[in-house]
Structures are given as structure tokens and as C-alpha cells.
Amino acid sequence: MKCHNIVEMASGQRILVIEDFEPIARIVEDVLLEKGFQVEMAATAEEAFKKIRARLPDLIYLDIKLPDMDGMQFCRLLSQDPATRYVPILVCTAHARSPEQKAAGLRDCADDYMLKPVQPEELCERVNALLRRVSIAEEKASNQVKSPAAAE
């Protein structure tokens, strides 16, 4: 399985996988661990909230269908919280959703959207792309702070 540049990006980055279906959770965990990520698992929204409050992840993989809360509702809560609003969220679902539902999810809270069954290469490329965007945004913000124009 090939993922471009993911090994360099993975060093020390933590991904919280929120997935209640054990077989898929293990596949996602194995793919991410193989690429060098630190992976934490949660099977419910309640468990995920506790893990997020204990230590903010660099990215969240979120199943839409959770046993204790609608995944999109959970996603909206994260996007409205100042502590978590900049953490990229990759939403994943086994249920085909209408284009309108996908668009609403992306508009409201999700940074990317993928369908199950999870394809390992697609998963790691999407994770890589989201983390790359965050890295570029952080670098740009850092450079703006350092530039002479920012001091004026």
C-alpha cells in the first residue's frame, strides 16, 4: 500500500478514530498505525469527548452512525467548540447519502467525506491531504506573524 509523503507527516501526529463497528475500527487502526500515526480509538461519542478533552487529536476519523449520538450532530458540536474547531474531521459512513446530505455535512462541519468500505490507500491519502492542509495553514499563519507587514 502506497501513501505519498505520509510517513514524514505521521511522525507524532495523533488521530482519534471514532468507530463503533469493531471490524472497520481495526482496519482503520491498522492502516494508520502502519503509516506511523499515534491512534486512539473510541466507540461512542461520550468516549470520544473524554479522549478529546484529555488530549486534542491532530485529526478525527468519525463514523456517522454512533450508538449514542448522530455523528453529524457530534461533528457540529466539535466545529462549534473553540477548542476543537480547527481539528480536521474525516467523516465516514456505510450508508449512501444524498448529494445534498453530503454537501450539508461538508458545509456544516466535516472537512472530508468518504464511503465505506474503507479502502486503505484512499484512507491514508485523505488523511495525508487533510493534515497537509493544516500544516500549510499553520505555516502561512506563522509566516504572517513574522513578516514586517504584520508588525505595522
N, C-alpha and C. Protein backbone atom coordinates (compact mmCIF):
# COMPACT_ATOMS: atom_id res chain seq x y z
N MET A 1 0.84 -1.18 0.00
CA MET A 1 0.00 0.00 0.00
C MET A 1 0.88 1.23 0.00
N LYS A 2 0.62 2.19 -0.88
CA LYS A 2 1.47 3.34 -1.06
C LYS A 2 0.71 4.60 -0.67
N CYS A 3 1.33 5.41 0.19
CA CYS A 3 0.78 6.71 0.53
C CYS A 3 1.89 7.72 0.40
N HIS A 4 1.75 8.66 -0.49
CA HIS A 4 2.79 9.64 -0.75
C HIS A 4 2.99 10.56 0.45
N ASN A 5 4.22 10.69 0.89
CA ASN A 5 4.64 11.64 1.92
C ASN A 5 3.97 11.44 3.28
N ILE A 6 3.23 10.39 3.48
CA ILE A 6 2.52 10.26 4.75
C ILE A 6 3.47 9.90 5.89
N VAL A 7 4.55 9.22 5.63
CA VAL A 7 5.46 8.84 6.70
C VAL A 7 6.07 10.09 7.34
N GLU A 8 6.47 11.06 6.51
CA GLU A 8 7.03 12.28 7.07
C GLU A 8 6.01 13.03 7.91
N MET A 9 4.78 13.07 7.47
CA MET A 9 3.75 13.81 8.18
C MET A 9 3.29 13.07 9.43
N ALA A 10 3.36 11.76 9.43
CA ALA A 10 2.78 10.97 10.51
C ALA A 10 3.54 11.10 11.82
N SER A 11 4.79 11.43 11.77
CA SER A 11 5.62 11.44 12.96
C SER A 11 4.98 12.25 14.09
N GLY A 12 4.53 11.54 15.12
CA GLY A 12 3.97 12.19 16.30
C GLY A 12 2.54 12.65 16.17
N GLN A 13 1.94 12.55 15.00
CA GLN A 13 0.58 13.05 14.85
C GLN A 13 -0.41 12.01 15.36
N ARG A 14 -1.42 12.53 16.05
CA ARG A 14 -2.38 11.67 16.73
C ARG A 14 -3.73 11.75 16.05
N ILE A 15 -4.29 10.58 15.77
CA ILE A 15 -5.60 10.50 15.14
C ILE A 15 -6.55 9.78 16.08
N LEU A 16 -7.70 10.39 16.30
CA LEU A 16 -8.75 9.76 17.08
C LEU A 16 -9.73 9.12 16.10
N VAL A 17 -9.88 7.82 16.20
CA VAL A 17 -10.81 7.07 15.35
C VAL A 17 -12.06 6.79 16.17
N ILE A 18 -13.19 7.33 15.71
CA ILE A 18 -14.46 7.13 16.40
C ILE A 18 -15.30 6.23 15.51
N GLU A 19 -15.32 4.97 15.86
CA GLU A 19 -15.97 3.93 15.04
C GLU A 19 -16.46 2.83 15.97
N ASP A 20 -17.75 2.52 15.91
CA ASP A 20 -18.30 1.51 16.82
C ASP A 20 -18.31 0.10 16.22
N PHE A 21 -18.09 -0.04 14.93
CA PHE A 21 -18.11 -1.37 14.30
C PHE A 21 -16.68 -1.91 14.34
N GLU A 22 -16.47 -2.88 15.20
CA GLU A 22 -15.13 -3.40 15.50
C GLU A 22 -14.30 -3.79 14.28
N PRO A 23 -14.84 -4.53 13.31
CA PRO A 23 -14.00 -4.91 12.16
C PRO A 23 -13.46 -3.70 11.39
N ILE A 24 -14.29 -2.70 11.19
CA ILE A 24 -13.82 -1.50 10.49
C ILE A 24 -12.86 -0.71 11.36
N ALA A 25 -13.16 -0.62 12.65
CA ALA A 25 -12.27 0.09 13.57
C ALA A 25 -10.86 -0.49 13.51
N ARG A 26 -10.75 -1.81 13.49
CA ARG A 26 -9.43 -2.47 13.45
C ARG A 26 -8.70 -2.21 12.13
N ILE A 27 -9.44 -2.24 11.03
CA ILE A 27 -8.82 -1.95 9.72
C ILE A 27 -8.26 -0.53 9.71
N VAL A 28 -9.07 0.42 10.13
CA VAL A 28 -8.64 1.83 10.15
C VAL A 28 -7.43 1.99 11.08
N GLU A 29 -7.52 1.40 12.25
CA GLU A 29 -6.41 1.49 13.20
C GLU A 29 -5.13 0.89 12.61
N ASP A 30 -5.23 -0.29 12.02
CA ASP A 30 -4.06 -0.96 11.44
C ASP A 30 -3.42 -0.14 10.33
N VAL A 31 -4.25 0.43 9.44
CA VAL A 31 -3.73 1.24 8.34
C VAL A 31 -2.97 2.46 8.88
N LEU A 32 -3.55 3.13 9.85
CA LEU A 32 -2.93 4.35 10.39
C LEU A 32 -1.68 4.04 11.20
N LEU A 33 -1.73 2.97 11.99
CA LEU A 33 -0.53 2.58 12.75
C LEU A 33 0.61 2.21 11.82
N GLU A 34 0.28 1.50 10.75
CA GLU A 34 1.29 1.10 9.77
C GLU A 34 1.98 2.32 9.16
N LYS A 35 1.28 3.43 9.07
CA LYS A 35 1.84 4.65 8.49
C LYS A 35 2.52 5.53 9.54
N GLY A 36 2.58 5.07 10.78
CA GLY A 36 3.33 5.79 11.80
C GLY A 36 2.54 6.76 12.65
N PHE A 37 1.23 6.75 12.54
CA PHE A 37 0.42 7.64 13.37
C PHE A 37 0.22 7.05 14.76
N GLN A 38 0.02 7.93 15.71
CA GLN A 38 -0.47 7.51 17.03
C GLN A 38 -1.99 7.44 16.88
N VAL A 39 -2.59 6.34 17.29
CA VAL A 39 -4.02 6.16 17.08
C VAL A 39 -4.70 5.89 18.42
N GLU A 40 -5.77 6.63 18.66
CA GLU A 40 -6.63 6.35 19.81
C GLU A 40 -7.98 5.96 19.26
N MET A 41 -8.64 5.04 19.95
CA MET A 41 -9.92 4.53 19.49
C MET A 41 -11.03 4.92 20.46
N ALA A 42 -12.21 5.17 19.91
CA ALA A 42 -13.41 5.41 20.71
C ALA A 42 -14.58 4.79 19.95
N ALA A 43 -15.49 4.15 20.69
CA ALA A 43 -16.64 3.50 20.07
C ALA A 43 -17.92 4.30 20.22
N THR A 44 -17.89 5.35 21.06
CA THR A 44 -19.07 6.17 21.29
C THR A 44 -18.68 7.65 21.31
N ALA A 45 -19.67 8.51 21.15
CA ALA A 45 -19.43 9.95 21.23
C ALA A 45 -18.97 10.33 22.64
N GLU A 46 -19.57 9.72 23.64
CA GLU A 46 -19.19 10.02 25.03
C GLU A 46 -17.71 9.69 25.27
N GLU A 47 -17.29 8.52 24.84
CA GLU A 47 -15.90 8.12 24.99
C GLU A 47 -14.98 9.06 24.20
N ALA A 48 -15.41 9.45 23.01
CA ALA A 48 -14.62 10.36 22.18
C ALA A 48 -14.47 11.73 22.84
N PHE A 49 -15.55 12.27 23.40
CA PHE A 49 -15.48 13.56 24.09
C PHE A 49 -14.45 13.51 25.21
N LYS A 50 -14.44 12.45 25.97
CA LYS A 50 -13.47 12.30 27.07
C LYS A 50 -12.04 12.31 26.54
N LYS A 51 -11.80 11.58 25.46
CA LYS A 51 -10.45 11.50 24.89
C LYS A 51 -10.02 12.83 24.28
N ILE A 52 -10.95 13.52 23.66
CA ILE A 52 -10.65 14.84 23.07
C ILE A 52 -10.31 15.84 24.17
N ARG A 53 -11.06 15.81 25.26
CA ARG A 53 -10.81 16.75 26.37
C ARG A 53 -9.48 16.43 27.06
N ALA A 54 -9.10 15.16 27.11
CA ALA A 54 -7.84 14.77 27.74
C ALA A 54 -6.64 15.18 26.89
N ARG A 55 -6.78 15.04 25.57
CA ARG A 55 -5.68 15.39 24.66
C ARG A 55 -6.24 15.60 23.26
N LEU A 56 -6.09 16.80 22.76
CA LEU A 56 -6.62 17.16 21.45
C LEU A 56 -5.92 16.39 20.34
N PRO A 57 -6.67 15.71 19.48
CA PRO A 57 -6.04 14.98 18.37
C PRO A 57 -5.67 15.94 17.23
N ASP A 58 -4.84 15.45 16.33
CA ASP A 58 -4.48 16.23 15.14
C ASP A 58 -5.52 16.05 14.04
N LEU A 59 -6.28 14.95 14.11
CA LEU A 59 -7.32 14.66 13.12
C LEU A 59 -8.31 13.69 13.75
N ILE A 60 -9.55 13.80 13.32
CA ILE A 60 -10.60 12.89 13.80
C ILE A 60 -11.21 12.15 12.62
N TYR A 61 -11.23 10.82 12.72
CA TYR A 61 -11.96 9.96 11.78
C TYR A 61 -13.28 9.68 12.49
N LEU A 62 -14.40 10.04 11.87
CA LEU A 62 -15.70 9.96 12.53
C LEU A 62 -16.71 9.15 11.72
N ASP A 63 -17.17 8.07 12.32
CA ASP A 63 -18.28 7.31 11.74
C ASP A 63 -19.56 8.10 11.99
N ILE A 64 -20.42 8.19 11.00
CA ILE A 64 -21.67 8.95 11.17
C ILE A 64 -22.65 8.26 12.10
N LYS A 65 -22.66 6.94 12.08
CA LYS A 65 -23.64 6.19 12.86
C LYS A 65 -23.00 5.70 14.16
N LEU A 66 -23.19 6.46 15.23
CA LEU A 66 -22.68 6.08 16.54
C LEU A 66 -23.83 5.61 17.41
N PRO A 67 -23.56 4.77 18.39
CA PRO A 67 -24.65 4.22 19.21
C PRO A 67 -25.32 5.24 20.13
N ASP A 68 -24.60 6.30 20.51
CA ASP A 68 -25.15 7.23 21.49
C ASP A 68 -25.45 8.62 20.95
N MET A 69 -25.09 8.90 19.70
CA MET A 69 -25.34 10.22 19.14
C MET A 69 -25.18 10.16 17.63
N ASP A 70 -25.95 10.96 16.93
CA ASP A 70 -25.78 11.07 15.49
C ASP A 70 -24.40 11.67 15.22
N GLY A 71 -23.63 11.05 14.33
CA GLY A 71 -22.28 11.50 14.04
C GLY A 71 -22.23 12.93 13.51
N MET A 72 -23.19 13.33 12.72
CA MET A 72 -23.20 14.70 12.20
C MET A 72 -23.48 15.70 13.32
N GLN A 73 -24.31 15.33 14.27
CA GLN A 73 -24.55 16.19 15.43
C GLN A 73 -23.24 16.34 16.23
N PHE A 74 -22.54 15.23 16.41
CA PHE A 74 -21.25 15.24 17.10
C PHE A 74 -20.27 16.14 16.35
N CYS A 75 -20.24 16.01 15.05
CA CYS A 75 -19.37 16.82 14.20
C CYS A 75 -19.67 18.31 14.37
N ARG A 76 -20.95 18.67 14.36
CA ARG A 76 -21.34 20.07 14.54
C ARG A 76 -20.91 20.60 15.90
N LEU A 77 -21.04 19.78 16.93
CA LEU A 77 -20.61 20.20 18.27
C LEU A 77 -19.11 20.50 18.28
N LEU A 78 -18.34 19.65 17.64
CA LEU A 78 -16.89 19.87 17.58
C LEU A 78 -16.55 21.14 16.80
N SER A 79 -17.26 21.37 15.71
CA SER A 79 -16.95 22.54 14.88
C SER A 79 -17.37 23.85 15.54
N GLN A 80 -18.27 23.79 16.51
CA GLN A 80 -18.71 25.00 17.21
C GLN A 80 -17.89 25.28 18.47
N ASP A 81 -17.10 24.32 18.90
CA ASP A 81 -16.30 24.46 20.12
C ASP A 81 -14.96 25.10 19.77
N PRO A 82 -14.60 26.24 20.38
CA PRO A 82 -13.33 26.89 20.07
C PRO A 82 -12.11 25.99 20.28
N ALA A 83 -12.19 25.03 21.18
CA ALA A 83 -11.07 24.14 21.45
C ALA A 83 -10.87 23.10 20.36
N THR A 84 -11.92 22.78 19.60
CA THR A 84 -11.83 21.70 18.61
C THR A 84 -12.14 22.15 17.18
N ARG A 85 -12.52 23.38 16.99
CA ARG A 85 -13.00 23.82 15.67
C ARG A 85 -11.97 23.72 14.56
N TYR A 86 -10.68 23.70 14.89
CA TYR A 86 -9.65 23.62 13.85
C TYR A 86 -9.09 22.21 13.66
N VAL A 87 -9.65 21.24 14.37
CA VAL A 87 -9.22 19.85 14.19
C VAL A 87 -9.94 19.30 12.96
N PRO A 88 -9.20 18.86 11.95
CA PRO A 88 -9.88 18.33 10.76
C PRO A 88 -10.66 17.05 11.07
N ILE A 89 -11.83 16.95 10.44
CA ILE A 89 -12.71 15.80 10.66
C ILE A 89 -12.97 15.11 9.33
N LEU A 90 -12.62 13.83 9.29
CA LEU A 90 -12.91 12.97 8.14
C LEU A 90 -14.12 12.13 8.50
N VAL A 91 -15.25 12.41 7.89
CA VAL A 91 -16.49 11.70 8.15
C VAL A 91 -16.56 10.48 7.24
N CYS A 92 -16.99 9.37 7.81
CA CYS A 92 -17.07 8.13 7.05
C CYS A 92 -18.41 7.44 7.35
N THR A 93 -19.03 6.91 6.31
CA THR A 93 -20.29 6.22 6.51
C THR A 93 -20.46 5.07 5.53
N ALA A 94 -21.20 4.07 5.97
CA ALA A 94 -21.52 2.93 5.10
C ALA A 94 -22.81 3.18 4.35
N HIS A 95 -23.55 4.16 4.78
CA HIS A 95 -24.86 4.43 4.19
C HIS A 95 -24.75 5.49 3.12
N ALA A 96 -25.17 5.15 1.94
CA ALA A 96 -25.14 6.12 0.85
C ALA A 96 -26.00 7.30 1.26
N ARG A 97 -25.45 8.46 1.09
CA ARG A 97 -26.17 9.67 1.44
C ARG A 97 -26.40 10.47 0.16
N SER A 98 -27.44 11.27 0.19
CA SER A 98 -27.74 12.06 -0.99
C SER A 98 -26.66 13.13 -1.17
N PRO A 99 -26.53 13.65 -2.38
CA PRO A 99 -25.57 14.74 -2.60
C PRO A 99 -25.85 15.93 -1.68
N GLU A 100 -27.13 16.18 -1.41
CA GLU A 100 -27.49 17.29 -0.53
C GLU A 100 -27.01 17.05 0.90
N GLN A 101 -27.15 15.80 1.38
CA GLN A 101 -26.69 15.46 2.73
C GLN A 101 -25.16 15.57 2.82
N LYS A 102 -24.47 15.09 1.80
CA LYS A 102 -23.01 15.21 1.79
C LYS A 102 -22.59 16.67 1.80
N ALA A 103 -23.23 17.47 0.95
CA ALA A 103 -22.89 18.89 0.87
C ALA A 103 -23.16 19.59 2.20
N ALA A 104 -24.28 19.26 2.84
CA ALA A 104 -24.60 19.87 4.13
C ALA A 104 -23.56 19.48 5.17
N GLY A 105 -23.13 18.23 5.17
CA GLY A 105 -22.11 17.79 6.12
C GLY A 105 -20.80 18.51 5.92
N LEU A 106 -20.39 18.66 4.68
CA LEU A 106 -19.15 19.38 4.39
C LEU A 106 -19.28 20.86 4.73
N ARG A 107 -20.43 21.42 4.48
CA ARG A 107 -20.66 22.84 4.77
C ARG A 107 -20.71 23.09 6.27
N ASP A 108 -21.36 22.20 7.00
CA ASP A 108 -21.58 22.41 8.43
C ASP A 108 -20.38 22.08 9.31
N CYS A 109 -19.62 21.02 8.95
CA CYS A 109 -18.62 20.61 9.93
C CYS A 109 -17.51 19.72 9.40
N ALA A 110 -17.78 18.86 8.46
CA ALA A 110 -16.78 17.89 8.02
C ALA A 110 -15.78 18.53 7.07
N ASP A 111 -14.53 18.09 7.15
CA ASP A 111 -13.50 18.58 6.24
C ASP A 111 -13.35 17.66 5.03
N ASP A 112 -13.78 16.43 5.18
CA ASP A 112 -13.76 15.48 4.07
C ASP A 112 -14.77 14.39 4.39
N TYR A 113 -15.11 13.63 3.37
CA TYR A 113 -16.20 12.65 3.46
C TYR A 113 -15.81 11.44 2.65
N MET A 114 -15.92 10.25 3.22
CA MET A 114 -15.66 9.05 2.43
C MET A 114 -16.67 7.96 2.78
N LEU A 115 -16.87 7.08 1.82
CA LEU A 115 -17.81 5.97 1.99
C LEU A 115 -17.08 4.70 2.37
N LYS A 116 -17.77 3.88 3.15
CA LYS A 116 -17.27 2.53 3.46
C LYS A 116 -17.74 1.61 2.34
N PRO A 117 -17.09 0.55 2.08
CA PRO A 117 -15.98 0.01 2.86
C PRO A 117 -14.72 0.85 2.67
N VAL A 118 -13.96 0.95 3.75
CA VAL A 118 -12.74 1.74 3.75
C VAL A 118 -11.70 1.08 2.85
N GLN A 119 -11.18 1.85 1.93
CA GLN A 119 -10.07 1.41 1.08
C GLN A 119 -8.80 1.98 1.70
N PRO A 120 -7.87 1.13 2.13
CA PRO A 120 -6.68 1.62 2.85
C PRO A 120 -5.93 2.75 2.15
N GLU A 121 -5.69 2.65 0.86
CA GLU A 121 -4.94 3.70 0.17
C GLU A 121 -5.73 5.01 0.15
N GLU A 122 -7.04 4.93 -0.10
CA GLU A 122 -7.86 6.14 -0.10
C GLU A 122 -7.86 6.77 1.29
N LEU A 123 -7.98 5.95 2.32
CA LEU A 123 -7.98 6.47 3.69
C LEU A 123 -6.69 7.23 3.98
N CYS A 124 -5.56 6.61 3.70
CA CYS A 124 -4.31 7.29 4.06
C CYS A 124 -4.06 8.51 3.18
N GLU A 125 -4.51 8.52 1.95
CA GLU A 125 -4.34 9.71 1.11
C GLU A 125 -5.25 10.85 1.58
N ARG A 126 -6.45 10.52 2.02
CA ARG A 126 -7.34 11.57 2.54
C ARG A 126 -6.81 12.15 3.85
N VAL A 127 -6.32 11.27 4.72
CA VAL A 127 -5.71 11.73 5.97
C VAL A 127 -4.51 12.62 5.66
N ASN A 128 -3.67 12.16 4.74
CA ASN A 128 -2.49 12.92 4.34
C ASN A 128 -2.89 14.30 3.81
N ALA A 129 -3.89 14.35 2.96
CA ALA A 129 -4.33 15.63 2.38
C ALA A 129 -4.84 16.58 3.46
N LEU A 130 -5.64 16.08 4.39
CA LEU A 130 -6.16 16.94 5.45
C LEU A 130 -5.04 17.47 6.34
N LEU A 131 -4.12 16.61 6.72
CA LEU A 131 -3.02 17.04 7.58
C LEU A 131 -2.08 18.00 6.83
N ARG A 132 -1.91 17.79 5.55
CA ARG A 132 -1.08 18.68 4.74
C ARG A 132 -1.70 20.08 4.71
N ARG A 133 -3.02 20.15 4.55
CA ARG A 133 -3.70 21.45 4.53
C ARG A 133 -3.53 22.18 5.86
N VAL A 134 -3.64 21.44 6.96
CA VAL A 134 -3.45 22.04 8.28
C VAL A 134 -2.03 22.56 8.42
N SER A 135 -1.07 21.76 7.99
CA SER A 135 0.34 22.16 8.07
C SER A 135 0.61 23.41 7.25
N ILE A 136 0.06 23.50 6.06
CA ILE A 136 0.23 24.67 5.20
C ILE A 136 -0.41 25.90 5.84
N ALA A 137 -1.61 25.74 6.40
CA ALA A 137 -2.30 26.86 7.05
C ALA A 137 -1.51 27.35 8.27
N GLU A 138 -0.97 26.42 9.06
CA GLU A 138 -0.17 26.81 10.23
C GLU A 138 1.10 27.53 9.80
N GLU A 139 1.74 27.04 8.75
CA GLU A 139 2.96 27.67 8.24
C GLU A 139 2.67 29.07 7.72
N LYS A 140 1.57 29.21 6.99
CA LYS A 140 1.19 30.52 6.46
C LYS A 140 0.89 31.50 7.60
N ALA A 141 0.16 31.04 8.61
CA ALA A 141 -0.15 31.90 9.75
C ALA A 141 1.13 32.31 10.49
N SER A 142 2.04 31.37 10.64
CA SER A 142 3.31 31.65 11.31
C SER A 142 4.12 32.67 10.52
N ASN A 143 4.17 32.55 9.20
CA ASN A 143 4.91 33.47 8.35
C ASN A 143 4.29 34.86 8.36
N GLN A 144 2.98 34.95 8.45
CA GLN A 144 2.32 36.26 8.51
C GLN A 144 2.66 36.98 9.81
N VAL A 145 2.77 36.25 10.89
CA VAL A 145 3.10 36.84 12.17
C VAL A 145 4.53 37.36 12.14
N LYS A 146 5.44 36.64 11.46
CA LYS A 146 6.85 37.01 11.41
C LYS A 146 7.15 38.10 10.39
N SER A 147 6.29 38.32 9.42
CA SER A 147 6.59 39.26 8.34
C SER A 147 6.53 40.70 8.84
N PRO A 148 7.34 41.60 8.26
CA PRO A 148 7.34 43.01 8.67
C PRO A 148 5.99 43.67 8.45
N ALA A 149 5.27 43.27 7.43
CA ALA A 149 3.95 43.86 7.17
C ALA A 149 2.99 43.59 8.30
N ALA A 150 3.16 42.44 8.97
CA ALA A 150 2.27 42.09 10.08
C ALA A 150 2.54 42.97 11.28
N ALA A 151 3.75 43.52 11.40
CA ALA A 151 4.10 44.35 12.56
C ALA A 151 3.59 45.77 12.43
N GLU A 152 3.23 46.21 11.23
CA GLU A 152 2.77 47.58 11.01
C GLU A 152 1.39 47.82 11.53
